[in-house]
């Protein structure tokens, strides 16, 4: 039904029924021998008018747009309108014989006669009843369909999909994508694999911390989604609660798949009806009943790509191996082409997982990409970002203080790119540091970074030193030993909980946990905006920009060489003690005010728990 078709049709039916009722009343007063037929028609017409008026209210209500789309409702309205027009036309034709009627009255004859025989009247009323029945049935079908949709949503709600895990979620919205002209060969290779029905079902891209794996994942997920190939995505993130739980991976993926491919919904709902506790079952059972069998029941003409990023950030080594084993079963599907793109660090559990599915995946390590190619991409990234920083600074600075139009120059950018290889996180972090107005102007900030270029680095972890020390060293430069000792203690006390907590906390909660005012927390973190995402809102969580910052701070091998090193065991004990103190101070019976001791936690409103 196009535009306002349903609304216009209903209005027409209301107007036609009102007119027919008026005609019936006029005929009833002038015709004696057909009053029973006239009365029957009038009563049926009044019922039809009431039904149409009720429908008009539905169309004007919140569910009106859905009724607009019903072809069954449209056809029923068209049929009724056609019948009413035909009846009204016949009755009006009799009334239009005005002159002849007057002459007949003068001669003593009754001027008006009922144009329908009783048998014709039976047929007319039967047709109107059929039309009304079809119309009412169509409305009931629509309402039933709405109830089924609601029921379906309720069914799928038990999947408990993880909020923020999809590539296009708000949590991932502002995270980096590959710049135009970078990673071109790699992105093309992944695209060709996805579209090749003969290639392995899994593509495993691995690389060490900070090499740009998640940026590539987001870029490919966005590309696949744009071309209609993306079925689902799950971006693991340690320290983000449910985004690190293996149990929720497959339910989240199937929830997205159902929205992308509605044909899967029936099979998934059947599985949930049969096994309501599937989201809590073993990973093999979840994959079997929620993903594998439903996918095997449909025919899909194009590839379905699933993106799983940062698998190494999933909790539980055995669960990681199980996830890989289950995803590899997509290779056995015949009615649909499913491709799974996975990124991770090359951690032992993941290497073992892929070793167990040899022949079912295609692998690529980012360190296998020639260094000149990586350096060129980082050079492109730095050139763009530093150019943006220069232009933004010059737009606000006095003319005498502005940076040269070619700042920082190709030679400096090349030096920075060489310092960064193979870590894209180096380039991104340094750009945030150079752009941080809390320290100095971009030129001075960049000089501080370049002071580290002459140092030699023996491993990729030392590359992380080059990434983070230019920022952290600014906290202690020019201070006395006593001042530095105090600054480092305050740094560990503030940053330690942030890097160790299972879930990120806002400043307000962090202040309560540490038993210090929020203003003091902000003061301690004010110089760390290059490495921490510190929101301006006191109730928004503080997050690491990249997990490599945690690696840099807690690696046991750096205990004697990194002044900012954080002792995990010590600070876990401190956090546990602070949690005990908080519970001792604030924990009480029926803390949510439920007055229902036997109520299950799952039955309690989440807002009441958070409050």
Protein backbone atom coordinates (compact mmCIF):
# COMPACT_ATOMS: atom_id res chain seq x y z
CA UNK A 1 0.00 0.00 0.00
CA UNK A 2 1.59 3.26 -1.03
CA UNK A 3 1.64 6.55 0.87
CA UNK A 4 -1.59 7.19 2.73
CA UNK A 5 -3.47 4.42 0.88
CA UNK A 6 -4.93 2.66 3.91
CA UNK A 7 -5.97 5.88 5.63
CA UNK A 8 -7.56 7.22 2.43
CA UNK A 9 -9.42 3.94 1.78
CA UNK A 10 -10.80 3.81 5.31
CA UNK A 11 -11.97 7.43 5.11
CA UNK A 12 -13.67 6.63 1.80
CA UNK A 13 -15.44 3.63 3.35
CA UNK A 14 -16.62 5.77 6.30
CA UNK A 15 -17.98 8.43 3.93
CA UNK A 16 -19.67 5.84 1.68
CA UNK A 17 -21.31 4.03 4.61
CA UNK A 18 -22.58 7.33 6.04
CA UNK A 19 -24.04 8.20 2.65
CA UNK A 20 -25.65 4.76 2.29
CA UNK A 21 -27.23 5.02 5.76
CA UNK A 22 -28.69 8.40 4.77
CA UNK A 23 -30.07 6.95 1.53
CA UNK A 24 -31.62 4.03 3.41
CA UNK A 25 -33.40 6.44 5.76
CA UNK A 26 -34.71 8.44 2.80
CA UNK A 27 -35.98 5.32 1.01
CA UNK A 28 -37.46 3.96 4.23
CA UNK A 29 -39.71 7.01 4.63
CA UNK A 30 -40.90 6.91 1.00
CA UNK A 31 -41.12 3.18 0.23
CA UNK A 32 -43.51 0.83 2.04
CA UNK A 33 -43.12 -2.53 0.35
CA UNK A 34 -39.35 -2.98 0.97
CA UNK A 35 -38.84 -1.62 4.46
CA UNK A 36 -37.48 -4.89 5.87
CA UNK A 37 -34.82 -5.09 3.14
CA UNK A 38 -33.96 -1.42 3.61
CA UNK A 39 -33.63 -1.91 7.37
CA UNK A 40 -31.38 -4.96 6.90
CA UNK A 41 -29.07 -3.00 4.61
CA UNK A 42 -28.98 -0.05 6.99
CA UNK A 43 -28.03 -2.21 10.00
CA UNK A 44 -25.23 -4.01 8.12
CA UNK A 45 -23.97 -0.69 6.84
CA UNK A 46 -23.89 0.78 10.36
CA UNK A 47 -21.85 -2.19 11.61
CA UNK A 48 -19.44 -1.72 8.70
CA UNK A 49 -19.18 1.99 9.49
CA UNK A 50 -18.31 1.26 13.14
CA UNK A 51 -15.61 -1.21 12.00
CA UNK A 52 -14.15 1.34 9.60
CA UNK A 53 -14.11 4.06 12.27
CA UNK A 54 -12.30 1.69 14.63
CA UNK A 55 -9.74 0.97 11.92
CA UNK A 56 -9.24 4.69 11.41
CA UNK A 57 -8.31 5.03 15.08
CA UNK A 58 -5.79 2.18 14.68
CA UNK A 59 -4.24 3.89 11.67
CA UNK A 60 -3.90 7.12 13.61
CA UNK A 61 -2.31 5.28 16.55
CA UNK A 62 1.30 4.17 17.11
CA UNK A 63 0.90 0.96 15.07
CA UNK A 64 -0.65 2.70 12.05
CA UNK A 65 2.47 2.52 9.86
CA UNK A 66 2.49 -1.29 10.14
CA UNK A 67 -1.13 -1.54 8.95
CA UNK A 68 -0.24 0.70 6.01
CA UNK A 69 1.94 -2.12 4.72
CA UNK A 70 -0.73 -4.84 4.80
CA UNK A 71 -1.77 -5.91 1.29
CA UNK A 72 -4.58 -8.04 2.72
CA UNK A 73 -6.11 -5.03 4.49
CA UNK A 74 -5.71 -3.01 1.30
CA UNK A 75 -7.53 -5.58 -0.87
CA UNK A 76 -10.39 -5.93 1.62
CA UNK A 77 -10.85 -2.15 1.75
CA UNK A 78 -10.84 -1.88 -2.04
CA UNK A 79 -13.50 -4.62 -2.36
CA UNK A 80 -15.79 -3.00 0.23
CA UNK A 81 -15.38 0.45 -1.28
CA UNK A 82 -16.27 -0.92 -4.73
CA UNK A 83 -19.47 -2.56 -3.43
CA UNK A 84 -20.55 0.57 -1.56
CA UNK A 85 -20.00 2.77 -4.60
CA UNK A 86 -22.11 0.43 -6.74
CA UNK A 87 -24.99 0.36 -4.21
CA UNK A 88 -24.94 4.13 -3.69
CA UNK A 89 -24.85 4.78 -7.43
CA UNK A 90 -27.94 2.60 -7.98
CA UNK A 91 -29.90 4.25 -5.17
CA UNK A 92 -28.94 7.77 -6.23
CA UNK A 93 -29.95 7.07 -9.82
CA UNK A 94 -33.53 6.50 -8.66
CA UNK A 95 -33.54 9.69 -6.64
CA UNK A 96 -32.26 11.79 -9.54
CA UNK A 97 -35.47 11.20 -11.49
CA UNK A 98 -36.94 14.26 -9.84
CA UNK A 99 -39.19 15.56 -12.55
CA UNK A 100 -40.70 12.21 -13.29
CA UNK A 101 -41.28 11.59 -9.59
CA UNK A 102 -43.23 14.84 -9.21
CA UNK A 103 -45.46 13.96 -12.18
CA UNK A 104 -46.20 10.51 -10.76
CA UNK A 105 -47.12 12.00 -7.38
CA UNK A 106 -49.58 14.36 -9.10
CA UNK A 107 -51.20 11.37 -10.80
CA UNK A 108 -51.56 9.53 -7.49
CA UNK A 109 -48.73 7.03 -7.93
CA UNK A 110 -45.96 6.45 -5.31
CA UNK A 111 -42.94 8.38 -6.65
CA UNK A 112 -40.07 6.23 -5.29
CA UNK A 113 -39.50 2.49 -5.51
CA UNK A 114 -36.77 0.28 -4.01
CA UNK A 115 -34.48 -0.73 -6.88
CA UNK A 116 -33.52 -4.15 -5.45
CA UNK A 117 -35.50 -7.38 -5.37
CA UNK A 118 -35.35 -9.40 -2.13
CA UNK A 119 -33.10 -12.02 -3.75
CA UNK A 120 -30.79 -9.23 -4.94
CA UNK A 121 -30.77 -7.80 -1.44
CA UNK A 122 -29.73 -11.18 -0.01
CA UNK A 123 -26.80 -11.26 -2.42
CA UNK A 124 -25.76 -7.64 -1.68
CA UNK A 125 -25.79 -8.17 2.08
CA UNK A 126 -23.92 -11.48 1.73
CA UNK A 127 -21.23 -9.73 -0.35
CA UNK A 128 -20.94 -6.93 2.21
CA UNK A 129 -20.63 -9.48 5.02
CA UNK A 130 -17.91 -11.36 3.12
CA UNK A 131 -16.05 -8.11 2.53
CA UNK A 132 -16.33 -7.16 6.17
CA UNK A 133 -15.22 -10.64 7.27
CA UNK A 134 -12.17 -10.45 4.98
CA UNK A 135 -11.37 -7.00 6.30
CA UNK A 136 -11.69 -8.09 9.94
CA UNK A 137 -9.65 -11.24 9.28
CA UNK A 138 -6.91 -9.18 7.64
CA UNK A 139 -6.73 -6.94 10.70
CA UNK A 140 -6.54 -10.00 12.95
CA UNK A 141 -3.74 -11.46 10.81
CA UNK A 142 -1.80 -8.21 11.12
CA UNK A 143 -2.32 -8.13 14.88
CA UNK A 144 -1.28 -11.78 15.16
CA UNK A 145 1.82 -11.05 13.09
CA UNK A 146 2.67 -8.20 15.46
CA UNK A 147 2.28 -10.52 18.44
CA UNK A 148 4.54 -13.09 16.76
CA UNK A 149 7.17 -10.42 16.14
CA UNK A 150 6.99 -9.42 19.80
CA UNK A 151 7.17 -13.08 20.84
CA UNK A 152 10.15 -13.60 18.53
CA UNK A 153 11.94 -10.64 20.09
CA UNK A 154 11.26 -12.06 23.53
CA UNK A 155 12.62 -15.45 22.41
CA UNK A 156 15.79 -13.93 21.02
CA UNK A 157 16.25 -11.79 24.12
CA UNK A 158 17.28 -14.89 26.06
CA UNK A 159 20.41 -15.00 23.90
CA UNK A 160 21.76 -12.13 26.03
CA UNK A 161 23.83 -10.56 23.22
CA UNK A 162 26.79 -8.49 24.37
CA UNK A 163 26.32 -4.76 24.00
CA UNK A 164 29.23 -3.00 22.33
CA UNK A 165 30.79 -6.10 20.75
CA UNK A 166 29.76 -5.37 17.14
CA UNK A 167 32.08 -3.36 14.89
CA UNK A 168 29.43 -0.66 14.39
CA UNK A 169 28.50 -0.30 18.06
CA UNK A 170 28.89 3.01 19.85
CA UNK A 171 31.80 1.50 21.81
CA UNK A 172 33.73 0.93 18.55
CA UNK A 173 32.48 4.00 16.69
CA UNK A 174 35.49 6.26 17.23
CA UNK A 175 38.18 3.60 16.98
CA UNK A 176 40.56 3.72 14.04
CA UNK A 177 40.04 2.40 10.50
CA UNK A 178 42.80 2.02 7.93
CA UNK A 179 43.63 5.23 6.09
CA UNK A 180 43.19 5.34 2.34
CA UNK A 181 46.33 4.09 0.67
CA UNK A 182 47.47 1.99 3.63
CA UNK A 183 47.36 -1.80 4.05
CA UNK A 184 46.15 -2.00 0.44
CA UNK A 185 47.68 -5.38 -0.47
CA UNK A 186 46.63 -6.97 2.83
CA UNK A 187 43.04 -5.72 2.61
CA UNK A 188 42.81 -6.97 -0.97
CA UNK A 189 44.16 -10.38 0.06
CA UNK A 190 41.51 -10.69 2.79
CA UNK A 191 38.76 -9.60 0.39
CA UNK A 192 39.84 -12.17 -2.23
CA UNK A 193 39.85 -14.91 0.41
CA UNK A 194 36.33 -13.98 1.54
CA UNK A 195 34.92 -14.18 -1.98
CA UNK A 196 36.76 -17.38 -2.95
CA UNK A 197 34.50 -20.39 -2.37
CA UNK A 198 37.49 -22.72 -2.70
CA UNK A 199 39.56 -21.01 0.01
CA UNK A 200 39.62 -22.16 3.63
CA UNK A 201 36.73 -21.07 5.82
CA UNK A 202 38.95 -19.24 8.33
CA UNK A 203 41.51 -16.48 7.82
CA UNK A 204 43.70 -15.99 10.90
CA UNK A 205 45.59 -12.70 11.00
CA UNK A 206 48.01 -12.62 13.91
CA UNK A 207 50.49 -10.07 15.15
CA UNK A 208 52.07 -8.71 18.29
CA UNK A 209 50.61 -5.92 20.41
CA UNK A 210 50.15 -2.62 18.62
CA UNK A 211 50.59 -3.87 15.06
CA UNK A 212 47.14 -2.71 13.93
CA UNK A 213 45.09 -5.91 13.98
CA UNK A 214 41.89 -4.35 15.33
CA UNK A 215 42.13 -1.45 12.90
CA UNK A 216 42.26 -3.96 10.06
CA UNK A 217 39.30 -5.87 11.56
CA UNK A 218 37.16 -2.74 11.77
CA UNK A 219 38.11 -1.74 8.23
CA UNK A 220 37.23 -5.16 6.80
CA UNK A 221 34.01 -5.44 8.82
CA UNK A 222 32.93 -2.03 7.53
CA UNK A 223 33.81 -3.03 3.97
CA UNK A 224 31.95 -6.36 4.21
CA UNK A 225 28.91 -4.64 5.75
CA UNK A 226 28.86 -2.03 2.99
CA UNK A 227 28.77 -4.79 0.38
CA UNK A 228 26.14 -6.86 2.20
CA UNK A 229 28.53 -9.69 3.12
CA UNK A 230 28.92 -9.16 6.86
CA UNK A 231 26.86 -11.58 8.92
CA UNK A 232 28.17 -10.72 12.38
CA UNK A 233 31.14 -9.35 14.27
CA UNK A 234 32.49 -9.78 17.79
CA UNK A 235 35.27 -7.55 19.07
CA UNK A 236 36.75 -8.97 22.25
CA UNK A 237 38.06 -6.48 24.78
CA UNK A 238 39.65 -7.50 28.04
CA UNK A 239 38.50 -5.38 30.94
CA UNK A 240 35.13 -4.62 29.31
CA UNK A 241 33.03 -7.14 31.23
CA UNK A 242 30.97 -9.33 28.90
CA UNK A 243 33.20 -8.54 25.92
CA UNK A 244 35.74 -10.97 27.34
CA UNK A 245 33.37 -13.87 28.06
CA UNK A 246 33.53 -16.94 25.81
CA UNK A 247 30.02 -18.03 26.85
CA UNK A 248 28.45 -15.01 25.14
CA UNK A 249 30.32 -15.11 21.83
CA UNK A 250 28.09 -17.49 19.88
CA UNK A 251 24.77 -16.11 21.25
CA UNK A 252 25.89 -12.61 20.25
CA UNK A 253 26.93 -13.76 16.79
CA UNK A 254 23.67 -15.61 16.13
CA UNK A 255 21.65 -12.62 17.33
CA UNK A 256 23.32 -10.52 14.64
CA UNK A 257 22.98 -13.27 12.03
CA UNK A 258 19.22 -13.48 12.56
CA UNK A 259 18.85 -9.76 11.99
CA UNK A 260 20.98 -9.98 8.85
CA UNK A 261 19.39 -13.20 7.52
CA UNK A 262 15.73 -13.48 8.69
CA UNK A 263 15.47 -17.01 7.23
CA UNK A 264 17.54 -18.20 10.19
CA UNK A 265 15.02 -17.04 12.78
CA UNK A 266 12.68 -20.04 12.67
CA UNK A 267 15.51 -22.56 13.17
CA UNK A 268 17.05 -20.51 15.96
CA UNK A 269 13.71 -20.11 17.76
CA UNK A 270 13.06 -23.85 17.46
CA UNK A 271 16.46 -24.51 19.01
CA UNK A 272 15.70 -22.11 21.86
CA UNK A 273 12.24 -23.63 22.38
CA UNK A 274 13.80 -27.08 22.62
CA UNK A 275 16.82 -25.97 24.68
CA UNK A 276 15.88 -22.75 26.54
CA UNK A 277 19.17 -22.81 28.43
CA UNK A 278 21.34 -22.92 25.30
CA UNK A 279 23.09 -19.60 26.03
CA UNK A 280 24.48 -21.25 29.17
CA UNK A 281 25.34 -24.61 27.60
CA UNK A 282 28.74 -25.85 26.44
CA UNK A 283 30.27 -23.90 23.56
CA UNK A 284 30.00 -26.93 21.27
CA UNK A 285 26.25 -27.20 21.93
CA UNK A 286 25.78 -23.47 21.40
CA UNK A 287 27.55 -23.53 18.05
CA UNK A 288 25.82 -26.73 16.95
CA UNK A 289 22.24 -25.64 17.64
CA UNK A 290 22.40 -21.86 17.29
CA UNK A 291 24.74 -21.42 14.33
CA UNK A 292 25.72 -24.60 12.46
CA UNK A 293 22.30 -26.27 12.07
CA UNK A 294 20.38 -23.05 11.32
CA UNK A 295 22.94 -22.08 8.66
CA UNK A 296 22.77 -25.58 7.20
CA UNK A 297 18.99 -25.21 6.81
CA UNK A 298 19.10 -22.21 4.44
CA UNK A 299 20.40 -21.42 0.97
CA UNK A 300 22.29 -18.14 0.62
CA UNK A 301 23.67 -16.95 -2.69
CA UNK A 302 26.48 -14.75 -1.35
CA UNK A 303 29.19 -15.34 1.23
CA UNK A 304 28.43 -14.69 4.90
CA UNK A 305 31.45 -13.24 6.70
CA UNK A 306 31.88 -13.33 10.47
CA UNK A 307 34.60 -11.12 11.99
CA UNK A 308 36.12 -12.08 15.37
CA UNK A 309 38.69 -9.59 16.63
CA UNK A 310 41.26 -9.89 19.44
CA UNK A 311 40.51 -13.51 20.30
CA UNK A 312 43.50 -13.44 22.67
CA UNK A 313 41.49 -11.10 24.92
CA UNK A 314 38.90 -13.82 25.58
CA UNK A 315 39.01 -15.22 29.12
CA UNK A 316 39.94 -18.89 29.47
CA UNK A 317 42.65 -20.64 27.47
CA UNK A 318 40.59 -23.80 26.95
CA UNK A 319 37.60 -21.75 25.84
CA UNK A 320 39.75 -20.04 23.22
CA UNK A 321 40.80 -23.42 21.79
CA UNK A 322 37.16 -24.56 21.80
CA UNK A 323 35.99 -21.43 19.97
CA UNK A 324 38.56 -22.05 17.21
CA UNK A 325 37.55 -25.71 16.95
CA UNK A 326 33.86 -24.84 16.65
CA UNK A 327 34.35 -22.04 14.13
CA UNK A 328 36.36 -24.41 11.94
CA UNK A 329 33.20 -26.54 11.53
CA UNK A 330 31.89 -23.86 9.18
CA UNK A 331 34.12 -25.59 6.63
CA UNK A 332 31.59 -28.47 6.55
CA UNK A 333 28.63 -26.31 5.47
CA UNK A 334 27.46 -26.99 1.92
CA UNK A 335 24.31 -24.91 1.36
CA UNK A 336 25.93 -21.62 2.34
CA UNK A 337 29.43 -20.15 2.14
CA UNK A 338 30.53 -18.95 5.58
CA UNK A 339 33.89 -17.21 6.03
CA UNK A 340 35.35 -16.30 9.42
CA UNK A 341 38.03 -13.64 9.80
CA UNK A 342 39.91 -13.88 13.11
CA UNK A 343 42.62 -11.63 14.54
CA UNK A 344 44.71 -12.20 17.65
CA UNK A 345 48.13 -12.12 19.15
CA UNK A 346 50.03 -15.37 18.54
CA UNK A 347 49.52 -16.57 22.12
CA UNK A 348 50.09 -20.24 22.96
CA UNK A 349 46.41 -21.27 23.44
CA UNK A 350 45.53 -19.75 20.07
CA UNK A 351 48.48 -21.37 18.32
CA UNK A 352 47.43 -24.71 19.82
CA UNK A 353 43.84 -24.13 18.74
CA UNK A 354 44.83 -23.54 15.13
CA UNK A 355 47.28 -26.44 15.20
CA UNK A 356 44.30 -28.70 15.90
CA UNK A 357 42.43 -27.49 12.80
CA UNK A 358 45.24 -27.68 10.26
CA UNK A 359 43.96 -27.45 6.68
CA UNK A 360 40.86 -25.49 7.66
CA UNK A 361 42.40 -22.04 7.92
CA UNK A 362 44.60 -19.62 6.06
CA UNK A 363 47.09 -17.79 8.25
CA UNK A 364 49.13 -14.62 7.97
CA UNK A 365 51.43 -13.02 10.53
CA UNK A 366 51.76 -9.26 10.30
CA UNK A 367 55.51 -9.52 10.91
CA UNK A 368 55.71 -11.44 7.61
CA UNK A 369 54.73 -8.29 5.74
CA UNK A 370 57.94 -6.68 4.43
CA UNK A 371 59.17 -3.89 6.71
CA UNK A 372 59.33 -1.29 3.90
CA UNK A 373 55.60 -1.84 3.23
CA UNK A 374 54.73 -1.32 6.90
CA UNK A 375 57.01 1.73 7.12
CA UNK A 376 55.33 3.26 4.07
CA UNK A 377 51.87 2.79 5.61
CA UNK A 378 52.97 4.31 8.93
CA UNK A 379 54.58 7.20 7.01
CA UNK A 380 51.23 7.85 5.29
CA UNK A 381 49.37 7.73 8.60
CA UNK A 382 51.81 10.07 10.35
CA UNK A 383 51.85 12.51 7.46
CA UNK A 384 48.09 12.86 7.55
CA UNK A 385 47.70 13.02 11.35
CA UNK A 386 50.57 15.46 11.96
CA UNK A 387 49.28 17.64 9.12
CA UNK A 388 45.88 17.76 10.84
CA UNK A 389 47.53 18.66 14.15
CA UNK A 390 49.55 21.44 12.48
CA UNK A 391 46.52 22.96 10.76
CA UNK A 392 44.41 22.83 13.93
CA UNK A 393 47.18 24.44 16.00
CA UNK A 394 47.87 27.17 13.44
CA UNK A 395 44.18 27.99 13.28
CA UNK A 396 44.26 28.89 16.98
CA UNK A 397 47.80 30.26 17.51
CA UNK A 398 49.12 33.76 17.01
CA UNK A 399 50.77 34.19 13.62
CA UNK A 400 54.21 34.57 15.17
CA UNK A 401 53.82 31.24 17.00
CA UNK A 402 52.43 29.20 14.11
CA UNK A 403 54.20 26.14 12.76
CA UNK A 404 55.71 26.22 9.25
CA UNK A 405 53.24 25.12 6.54
CA UNK A 406 55.39 22.06 5.76
CA UNK A 407 55.88 21.06 9.42
CA UNK A 408 57.17 18.58 10.47
CA UNK A 409 58.74 17.77 7.11
CA UNK A 410 59.16 14.47 5.29
CA UNK A 411 62.52 13.67 6.90
CA UNK A 412 61.08 13.91 10.42
CA UNK A 413 58.04 11.86 9.44
CA UNK A 414 60.31 9.23 7.93
CA UNK A 415 62.37 9.12 11.14
CA UNK A 416 59.21 8.66 13.20
CA UNK A 417 58.00 5.91 10.86
CA UNK A 418 61.32 4.08 11.24
CA UNK A 419 61.07 4.39 15.02
CA UNK A 420 57.53 3.01 14.92
CA UNK A 421 57.93 -0.04 12.66
CA UNK A 422 56.12 -2.41 13.10
CA UNK A 423 53.91 -0.76 15.75
CA UNK A 424 51.06 1.36 14.47
CA UNK A 425 50.19 2.00 18.11
CA UNK A 426 53.47 3.94 18.40
CA UNK A 427 52.33 6.31 15.65
CA UNK A 428 48.81 6.72 17.10
CA UNK A 429 50.05 7.32 20.66
CA UNK A 430 52.74 9.79 19.61
CA UNK A 431 50.17 11.76 17.60
CA UNK A 432 47.91 12.01 20.66
CA UNK A 433 50.91 13.16 22.72
CA UNK A 434 51.96 15.79 20.18
CA UNK A 435 48.36 17.06 20.02
CA UNK A 436 48.00 17.29 23.82
CA UNK A 437 47.76 21.00 24.69
CA UNK A 438 48.23 20.25 28.40
CA UNK A 439 51.98 19.94 27.84
CA UNK A 440 53.24 22.36 25.20
CA UNK A 441 52.93 23.23 21.52
CA UNK A 442 53.15 20.42 18.92
CA UNK A 443 56.67 21.40 17.88
CA UNK A 444 58.08 21.07 21.40
CA UNK A 445 56.16 17.86 21.99
CA UNK A 446 57.55 16.29 18.84
CA UNK A 447 61.10 17.22 19.86
CA UNK A 448 60.63 15.26 23.09
CA UNK A 449 59.71 12.19 21.06
CA UNK A 450 62.65 12.55 18.70
CA UNK A 451 65.06 12.51 21.65
CA UNK A 452 64.39 8.75 21.86
CA UNK A 453 65.41 7.97 18.29
CA UNK A 454 69.07 7.32 19.10
CA UNK A 455 68.27 4.65 21.66
CA UNK A 456 68.66 1.04 20.57
CA UNK A 457 65.89 -1.49 21.16
CA UNK A 458 66.38 -5.21 21.43
CA UNK A 459 62.79 -6.44 21.17
CA UNK A 460 59.28 -5.41 20.22
CA UNK A 461 58.48 -4.84 23.89
CA UNK A 462 61.27 -2.24 23.94
CA UNK A 463 59.40 -0.65 21.05
CA UNK A 464 56.63 -0.19 23.59
CA UNK A 465 59.15 1.66 25.74
CA UNK A 466 59.67 4.06 22.84
CA UNK A 467 55.90 4.37 22.54
CA UNK A 468 55.08 5.19 26.15
CA UNK A 469 58.22 6.59 27.80
CA UNK A 470 58.12 9.93 25.91
CA UNK A 471 54.74 10.54 27.56
CA UNK A 472 55.44 9.17 31.04
CA UNK A 473 58.91 10.66 31.39
CA UNK A 474 57.33 14.11 31.29
CA UNK A 475 55.90 13.38 34.74
CA UNK A 476 59.36 13.17 36.34
CA UNK A 477 61.68 15.29 34.21
CA UNK A 478 63.45 18.02 36.18
CA UNK A 479 62.28 16.71 39.55
CA UNK A 480 64.28 15.75 42.62
CA UNK A 481 64.57 12.10 43.65
CA UNK A 482 62.14 12.68 46.52
CA UNK A 483 59.62 14.33 44.21
CA UNK A 484 59.97 11.53 41.66
CA UNK A 485 59.40 8.89 44.33
CA UNK A 486 56.14 10.59 45.34
CA UNK A 487 55.03 11.07 41.71
CA UNK A 488 55.69 7.42 40.83
CA UNK A 489 53.78 6.20 43.90
CA UNK A 490 50.81 8.43 43.02
CA UNK A 491 50.99 7.20 39.41
CA UNK A 492 50.85 3.55 40.46
CA UNK A 493 48.08 4.18 42.99
CA UNK A 494 45.91 5.87 40.35
CA UNK A 495 46.79 3.92 37.20
CA UNK A 496 47.24 0.50 38.82
CA UNK A 497 43.49 -0.01 39.43
CA UNK A 498 42.65 1.23 35.93
CA UNK A 499 44.87 -1.35 34.20
CA UNK A 500 43.98 -4.21 36.57
CA UNK A 501 40.21 -3.88 37.03
CA UNK A 502 38.05 -6.49 35.30
CA UNK A 503 35.70 -3.74 34.11
CA UNK A 504 36.49 -0.05 33.62
CA UNK A 505 35.20 2.33 36.29
CA UNK A 506 34.16 5.98 36.00
CA UNK A 507 36.03 8.63 37.97
CA UNK A 508 33.22 8.80 40.55
CA UNK A 509 33.47 5.06 41.33
CA UNK A 510 37.26 5.03 41.12
CA UNK A 511 37.40 7.86 43.65
CA UNK A 512 35.20 5.89 46.07
CA UNK A 513 37.32 2.79 45.57
CA UNK A 514 40.57 4.66 46.23
CA UNK A 515 38.98 6.76 48.99
CA UNK A 516 40.09 10.06 47.47
CA UNK A 517 38.08 12.98 46.01
CA UNK A 518 37.25 12.86 42.26
CA UNK A 519 39.18 16.11 41.74
CA UNK A 520 42.32 14.40 43.01
CA UNK A 521 41.76 11.48 40.60
CA UNK A 522 41.43 13.90 37.69
CA UNK A 523 44.58 15.67 38.86
CA UNK A 524 46.58 12.45 38.95
CA UNK A 525 45.41 11.45 35.46
CA UNK A 526 45.48 14.87 33.83
CA UNK A 527 48.84 14.25 32.13
CA UNK A 528 47.84 10.85 30.73
CA UNK A 529 45.30 11.74 28.06
CA UNK A 530 47.64 10.33 25.40
CA UNK A 531 47.40 6.82 26.83
CA UNK A 532 44.05 6.85 28.68
CA UNK A 533 40.62 7.71 27.35
CA UNK A 534 39.50 10.04 30.16
CA UNK A 535 35.96 11.32 29.56
CA UNK A 536 34.87 14.72 30.82
CA UNK A 537 31.75 13.23 32.43
CA UNK A 538 32.42 12.00 35.96
CA UNK A 539 30.18 8.93 35.51
CA UNK A 540 31.72 7.73 32.21
CA UNK A 541 34.34 4.94 32.46
CA UNK A 542 38.08 5.52 32.01
CA UNK A 543 39.57 3.17 29.42
CA UNK A 544 42.98 2.29 28.02
CA UNK A 545 43.43 3.41 24.44
CA UNK A 546 45.30 0.16 23.82
CA UNK A 547 46.00 -3.00 25.80
CA UNK A 548 49.72 -2.63 25.04
CA UNK A 549 49.87 0.13 27.68
CA UNK A 550 48.96 -2.51 30.26
CA UNK A 551 51.65 -4.81 28.84
CA UNK A 552 54.20 -2.02 29.16
CA UNK A 553 53.32 -1.38 32.81
CA UNK A 554 52.99 -4.90 34.25
CA UNK A 555 55.50 -7.03 32.31
CA UNK A 556 57.65 -8.75 34.99
CA UNK A 557 60.72 -8.51 32.76
CA UNK A 558 60.62 -4.72 33.05
CA UNK A 559 60.54 -4.62 36.85
CA UNK A 560 64.08 -3.25 37.17
CA UNK A 561 64.16 -1.15 33.98
CA UNK A 562 60.75 0.56 33.93
CA UNK A 563 60.35 3.21 36.63
CA UNK A 564 56.59 3.11 36.08
CA UNK A 565 56.33 -0.67 36.52
CA UNK A 566 53.24 -1.84 38.43
CA UNK A 567 53.32 -4.93 40.65
CA UNK A 568 50.13 -6.80 39.73
CA UNK A 569 50.05 -8.94 42.87
CA UNK A 570 50.56 -5.97 45.18
CA UNK A 571 47.85 -3.86 43.57
CA UNK A 572 45.37 -6.73 43.32
CA UNK A 573 45.80 -7.12 47.08
CA UNK A 574 45.29 -3.39 47.59
CA UNK A 575 42.13 -3.47 45.45
CA UNK A 576 40.78 -6.49 47.32
CA UNK A 577 41.36 -4.73 50.64
CA UNK A 578 39.61 -1.57 49.43
CA UNK A 579 36.65 -3.63 48.17
CA UNK A 580 36.36 -5.32 51.57
CA UNK A 581 36.41 -1.94 53.29
CA UNK A 582 33.70 -0.58 50.99
CA UNK A 583 31.48 -3.61 51.56
CA UNK A 584 32.01 -3.35 55.31
CA UNK A 585 30.94 0.29 55.18
CA UNK A 586 27.99 0.07 52.81
CA UNK A 587 26.76 -3.53 52.49
CA UNK A 588 23.44 -4.12 54.22
CA UNK A 589 20.53 -6.50 54.20
CA UNK A 590 18.17 -6.07 51.23
CA UNK A 591 20.43 -3.41 49.73
CA UNK A 592 18.14 -3.03 46.69
CA UNK A 593 15.07 -2.48 48.87
CA UNK A 594 13.16 -5.38 47.29
CA UNK A 595 11.50 -6.72 50.47
CA UNK A 596 11.58 -10.12 48.76
CA UNK A 597 14.42 -12.25 50.18
CA UNK A 598 13.88 -15.16 47.80
CA UNK A 599 13.99 -13.15 44.58
CA UNK A 600 16.58 -14.33 42.05
CA UNK A 601 19.23 -11.88 40.92
CA UNK A 602 18.16 -12.45 37.30
CA UNK A 603 14.68 -11.20 38.22
CA UNK A 604 15.92 -7.90 39.65
CA UNK A 605 15.91 -4.78 37.50
CA UNK A 606 19.50 -4.01 36.48
CA UNK A 607 19.00 -0.32 37.22
CA UNK A 608 18.10 -1.19 40.81
CA UNK A 609 21.33 -3.18 41.13
CA UNK A 610 23.46 -0.41 39.62
CA UNK A 611 21.86 2.20 41.85
